[in-house]
Amino acid sequence: MAECIDLCKSAKDKGATFIFTPEFCGHLYVEGKNFSTDPKPENQHSALHSFQALATELDIWLCIGSLAVADPDGNLRNRSFVINSNGAIGSRYDKIHMFDVTLSDGEIYRESDTFTPGEQAVIATTPFSEIGLSICYDLRFASLYRLLAQNGATILTVPAAFTHTTGKAHWHVLLRSRAIETGCFVIAACQYGYHGSAHTYGHSLIIDPWGKILAEGGEEQDIIIADIDLQHVNNARSRIPALIHDRPIKLS
């Protein structure tokens, strides 16, 4: 949390008014198929409370990529939060798609062994934009982002702890595709480095609605910043209005 707070303060000093953090930014350690993420109920979650206090102190909005949260039924959720400049939680999103994959004999992930998936798409209303929320593996399900964009989202956020194996192959092309398909800005803060047996890719990205990369991080601790002009959303969607061109499809 000390590192997160220092990075947020540096971003504020560089002019940021809305700050986005990666998935599991409070804690992540993987051993075999087991995810260690320090889950707690919201009202007892010290990381969440620290971020709320920070938003108030810095007079900024925060999108906390995700924290592990225990819900009242005892289920664990991979949950994203949008926190306003008064420290209040404006929106919550529970990750829908669980990362259950076998990349190789030695690289197996079973997120559903630990977490219960969400069922509700979420658009956060902010003074800046309507923001469609998602987390990491959601990125591979384009229909989610189309739904968010068709219901008013102009910015999509994809906080992640993307594996190094899949990141090298798919991270840039998937994120640029989601931006192009929806005519949205995409903001994707990603973990980097080693977390037990897991190796994450980094390369945080900010992408405009035409698919242009506005800012990119590396595989190290960093802050990336971009100015966002929402007129670019209107421009992209007027040039290629694909969001209103859906047609019924029958499989023969």
Protein backbone atom coordinates (compact mmCIF):
# COMPACT_ATOMS: atom_id res chain seq x y z
CA MET A 1 0.00 0.00 0.00
CA ALA A 2 2.87 2.35 0.67
CA GLU A 3 4.08 1.87 -2.92
CA CYS A 4 0.56 2.30 -4.32
CA ILE A 5 0.04 5.49 -2.36
CA ASP A 6 3.40 6.94 -3.44
CA LEU A 7 2.65 6.13 -7.10
CA CYS A 8 -0.79 7.74 -6.87
CA LYS A 9 0.73 10.86 -5.33
CA SER A 10 3.30 11.00 -8.12
CA ALA A 11 0.56 10.66 -10.71
CA LYS A 12 -1.37 13.48 -9.06
CA ASP A 13 1.77 15.64 -9.12
CA LYS A 14 2.06 14.93 -12.87
CA GLY A 15 -1.47 16.22 -13.43
CA ALA A 16 -3.65 13.12 -13.19
CA THR A 17 -7.24 13.69 -12.10
CA PHE A 18 -8.42 10.08 -12.48
CA ILE A 19 -6.05 7.25 -11.52
CA PHE A 20 -6.39 3.57 -12.45
CA THR A 21 -4.58 0.70 -10.73
CA PRO A 22 -4.06 -2.96 -11.79
CA GLU A 23 -5.96 -6.10 -10.82
CA PHE A 24 -5.17 -7.38 -7.31
CA CYS A 25 -3.25 -4.20 -6.53
CA GLY A 26 -3.59 -4.89 -2.79
CA HIS A 27 -1.90 -8.30 -2.85
CA LEU A 28 -1.17 -11.12 -5.30
CA TYR A 29 0.77 -14.33 -4.78
CA VAL A 30 0.25 -17.49 -6.79
CA GLU A 31 1.50 -20.95 -5.87
CA GLY A 32 0.53 -23.67 -8.29
CA LYS A 33 -3.19 -23.29 -8.94
CA ASN A 34 -3.79 -21.39 -5.69
CA PHE A 35 -4.34 -17.62 -5.61
CA SER A 36 -3.32 -15.79 -2.41
CA THR A 37 -4.95 -12.35 -2.49
CA ASP A 38 -5.60 -11.35 1.16
CA PRO A 39 -9.43 -11.27 0.98
CA LYS A 40 -11.46 -9.36 3.57
CA PRO A 41 -15.02 -8.03 3.88
CA GLU A 42 -15.33 -4.52 2.47
CA ASN A 43 -15.92 -2.95 5.86
CA GLN A 44 -12.71 -4.53 7.17
CA HIS A 45 -10.53 -4.11 4.09
CA SER A 46 -7.57 -1.95 5.05
CA ALA A 47 -6.44 -1.50 1.43
CA LEU A 48 -9.87 -0.27 0.36
CA HIS A 49 -10.04 2.13 3.30
CA SER A 50 -6.57 3.44 2.48
CA PHE A 51 -7.58 4.12 -1.12
CA GLN A 52 -10.74 5.91 0.01
CA ALA A 53 -8.71 8.13 2.31
CA LEU A 54 -6.20 8.79 -0.46
CA ALA A 55 -8.90 9.88 -2.91
CA THR A 56 -10.11 12.42 -0.37
CA GLU A 57 -6.61 13.61 0.48
CA LEU A 58 -5.60 14.11 -3.16
CA ASP A 59 -9.03 15.26 -4.39
CA ILE A 60 -8.95 12.69 -7.21
CA TRP A 61 -11.07 9.85 -8.56
CA LEU A 62 -9.68 6.32 -8.36
CA CYS A 63 -10.52 3.15 -10.20
CA ILE A 64 -9.08 0.38 -8.06
CA GLY A 65 -8.45 -2.39 -10.56
CA SER A 66 -9.43 -5.06 -8.10
CA LEU A 67 -9.18 -6.29 -4.54
CA ALA A 68 -10.17 -9.67 -3.14
CA VAL A 69 -13.37 -9.22 -1.16
CA ALA A 70 -15.35 -11.65 1.00
CA ASP A 71 -19.09 -11.10 0.51
CA PRO A 72 -21.67 -11.63 3.29
CA ASP A 73 -22.35 -15.18 2.05
CA GLY A 74 -18.71 -16.12 2.45
CA ASN A 75 -17.95 -16.10 -1.28
CA LEU A 76 -14.73 -14.48 -2.47
CA ARG A 77 -15.07 -11.89 -5.23
CA ASN A 78 -12.48 -10.32 -7.51
CA ARG A 79 -13.94 -6.81 -7.24
CA SER A 80 -13.17 -3.48 -8.91
CA PHE A 81 -14.09 -0.18 -7.25
CA VAL A 82 -14.65 3.34 -8.52
CA ILE A 83 -14.02 5.83 -5.71
CA ASN A 84 -14.94 9.50 -5.98
CA SER A 85 -12.95 12.48 -4.75
CA ASN A 86 -14.90 12.44 -1.46
CA GLY A 87 -13.73 8.89 -0.78
CA ALA A 88 -17.12 7.32 -1.43
CA ILE A 89 -17.51 4.13 -3.46
CA GLY A 90 -19.51 5.02 -6.56
CA SER A 91 -19.49 1.67 -8.34
CA ARG A 92 -18.45 -1.95 -7.79
CA TYR A 93 -17.86 -4.64 -10.38
CA ASP A 94 -17.27 -8.34 -9.71
CA LYS A 95 -15.19 -10.08 -12.38
CA ILE A 96 -17.47 -12.24 -14.51
CA HIS A 97 -15.07 -14.50 -16.42
CA MET A 98 -12.79 -16.73 -14.36
CA PHE A 99 -9.24 -17.41 -15.55
CA ASP A 100 -9.29 -21.21 -15.75
CA VAL A 101 -6.61 -22.12 -18.30
CA THR A 102 -3.81 -24.56 -18.97
CA LEU A 103 -1.03 -22.76 -20.81
CA SER A 104 1.46 -25.60 -20.39
CA ASP A 105 2.12 -28.54 -18.09
CA GLY A 106 3.77 -26.17 -15.65
CA GLU A 107 1.51 -23.14 -16.04
CA ILE A 108 -2.04 -23.85 -14.91
CA TYR A 109 -4.48 -21.33 -13.41
CA ARG A 110 -7.86 -22.06 -11.81
CA GLU A 111 -9.31 -18.78 -10.60
CA SER A 112 -12.71 -20.41 -10.05
CA ASP A 113 -11.17 -22.61 -7.35
CA THR A 114 -10.86 -19.43 -5.27
CA PHE A 115 -13.40 -16.91 -6.55
CA THR A 116 -17.10 -16.81 -7.33
CA PRO A 117 -17.83 -15.07 -10.65
CA GLY A 118 -19.97 -11.97 -10.93
CA GLU A 119 -23.08 -11.83 -13.10
CA GLN A 120 -23.68 -8.11 -13.70
CA ALA A 121 -22.09 -5.75 -16.22
CA VAL A 122 -21.43 -2.32 -14.69
CA ILE A 123 -21.09 1.20 -16.08
CA ALA A 124 -19.73 3.76 -13.61
CA THR A 125 -21.08 7.29 -13.88
CA THR A 126 -18.37 9.90 -13.28
CA PRO A 127 -17.95 13.62 -14.08
CA PHE A 128 -15.49 12.61 -16.79
CA SER A 129 -17.33 9.88 -18.66
CA GLU A 130 -19.47 6.80 -18.41
CA ILE A 131 -16.90 4.09 -17.72
CA GLY A 132 -17.44 0.42 -18.52
CA LEU A 133 -15.78 -1.81 -15.95
CA SER A 134 -14.06 -5.14 -16.56
CA ILE A 135 -11.13 -7.14 -15.21
CA CYS A 136 -8.33 -9.02 -17.00
CA TYR A 137 -9.69 -12.28 -18.50
CA ASP A 138 -12.93 -10.45 -19.37
CA LEU A 139 -10.86 -8.95 -22.19
CA ARG A 140 -11.34 -12.08 -24.29
CA PHE A 141 -15.14 -11.72 -24.33
CA ALA A 142 -15.86 -8.97 -26.84
CA SER A 143 -19.62 -9.09 -26.33
CA LEU A 144 -19.21 -7.62 -22.83
CA TYR A 145 -17.52 -4.49 -24.20
CA ARG A 146 -20.05 -4.11 -27.00
CA LEU A 147 -22.83 -4.22 -24.40
CA LEU A 148 -21.07 -1.57 -22.29
CA ALA A 149 -20.47 0.73 -25.27
CA GLN A 150 -24.01 0.35 -26.60
CA ASN A 151 -25.30 1.38 -23.18
CA GLY A 152 -23.30 4.59 -22.93
CA ALA A 153 -19.72 3.75 -21.96
CA THR A 154 -17.09 5.89 -23.68
CA ILE A 155 -14.13 4.66 -21.63
CA LEU A 156 -13.43 0.99 -20.90
CA THR A 157 -11.12 -0.06 -18.10
CA VAL A 158 -9.29 -3.39 -18.16
CA PRO A 159 -7.13 -3.72 -15.02
CA ALA A 160 -5.11 -6.90 -15.24
CA ALA A 161 -2.51 -9.29 -13.95
CA PHE A 162 -2.04 -10.69 -17.46
CA THR A 163 0.38 -13.58 -17.63
CA HIS A 164 3.68 -13.00 -19.38
CA THR A 165 3.01 -15.96 -21.68
CA THR A 166 -0.32 -14.65 -22.98
CA GLY A 167 0.67 -11.01 -22.70
CA LYS A 168 3.46 -11.33 -25.25
CA ALA A 169 1.05 -12.93 -27.71
CA HIS A 170 -2.29 -11.23 -27.13
CA TRP A 171 -2.25 -8.18 -24.80
CA HIS A 172 -1.79 -5.38 -27.34
CA VAL A 173 -3.94 -6.84 -30.10
CA LEU A 174 -6.87 -7.65 -27.82
CA LEU A 175 -6.90 -4.23 -26.14
CA ARG A 176 -6.61 -2.36 -29.45
CA SER A 177 -9.40 -4.52 -30.85
CA ARG A 178 -11.74 -3.67 -27.97
CA ALA A 179 -11.05 0.04 -28.53
CA ILE A 180 -11.62 -0.18 -32.30
CA GLU A 181 -14.74 -2.36 -32.06
CA THR A 182 -16.46 -0.04 -29.58
CA GLY A 183 -15.06 3.38 -30.44
CA CYS A 184 -14.04 3.76 -26.80
CA PHE A 185 -10.90 4.80 -24.97
CA VAL A 186 -9.35 1.81 -23.21
CA ILE A 187 -7.33 2.15 -20.00
CA ALA A 188 -5.52 -1.02 -18.97
CA ALA A 189 -3.24 -0.96 -15.91
CA CYS A 190 -1.33 -4.24 -15.60
CA GLN A 191 0.80 -5.93 -12.95
CA TYR A 192 4.39 -6.79 -13.84
CA GLY A 193 7.04 -9.12 -12.48
CA TYR A 194 6.91 -12.28 -10.37
CA HIS A 195 4.24 -13.19 -7.81
CA GLY A 196 5.27 -16.60 -6.53
CA SER A 197 4.93 -18.93 -9.50
CA ALA A 198 3.10 -16.32 -11.61
CA HIS A 199 4.89 -13.99 -14.02
CA THR A 200 2.87 -11.00 -15.23
CA TYR A 201 3.43 -8.95 -18.35
CA GLY A 202 3.14 -5.25 -17.46
CA HIS A 203 2.90 -2.96 -20.50
CA SER A 204 0.03 -0.88 -19.13
CA LEU A 205 -1.76 0.86 -22.00
CA ILE A 206 -3.99 3.83 -22.76
CA ILE A 207 -5.58 3.51 -26.21
CA ASP A 208 -7.79 5.91 -28.15
CA PRO A 209 -11.03 4.96 -29.98
CA TRP A 210 -9.21 4.57 -33.32
CA GLY A 211 -6.86 1.99 -31.79
CA LYS A 212 -3.87 4.33 -31.37
CA ILE A 213 -1.69 3.69 -28.31
CA LEU A 214 -1.44 6.98 -26.41
CA ALA A 215 0.79 5.73 -23.59
CA GLU A 216 2.50 2.47 -22.72
CA GLY A 217 4.39 1.24 -19.70
CA GLY A 218 7.09 -1.40 -19.61
CA GLU A 219 7.94 -4.37 -17.42
CA GLU A 220 8.83 -2.26 -14.41
CA GLN A 221 7.18 0.03 -11.90
CA ASP A 222 5.93 3.07 -13.75
CA ILE A 223 3.20 5.66 -14.23
CA ILE A 224 1.68 6.37 -17.62
CA ILE A 225 -0.49 9.43 -18.30
CA ALA A 226 -2.56 10.61 -21.25
CA ASP A 227 -4.96 13.47 -21.92
CA ILE A 228 -8.36 12.17 -23.04
CA ASP A 229 -10.62 14.17 -25.35
CA LEU A 230 -14.00 12.44 -25.55
CA GLN A 231 -14.70 14.12 -28.89
CA HIS A 232 -12.50 11.38 -30.33
CA VAL A 233 -15.21 8.90 -29.33
CA ASN A 234 -17.80 10.78 -31.39
CA ASN A 235 -15.38 11.10 -34.30
CA ALA A 236 -14.57 7.39 -34.40
CA ARG A 237 -18.18 6.30 -34.05
CA SER A 238 -19.42 8.70 -36.72
CA ARG A 239 -16.78 7.44 -39.17
CA ILE A 240 -17.56 3.78 -38.50
CA PRO A 241 -20.95 3.48 -36.74
CA ALA A 242 -20.63 -0.26 -36.14
CA LEU A 243 -22.37 -0.07 -32.75
CA ILE A 244 -25.70 0.60 -34.50
CA HIS A 245 -25.24 -1.87 -37.35
CA ASP A 246 -26.14 -5.10 -35.55
CA ARG A 247 -28.14 -7.54 -37.65
CA PRO A 248 -29.94 -10.71 -36.60
CA ILE A 249 -27.93 -13.79 -37.47
CA LYS A 250 -29.25 -17.31 -37.97
CA LEU A 251 -27.06 -20.37 -38.07
CA SER A 252 -28.07 -22.64 -40.94
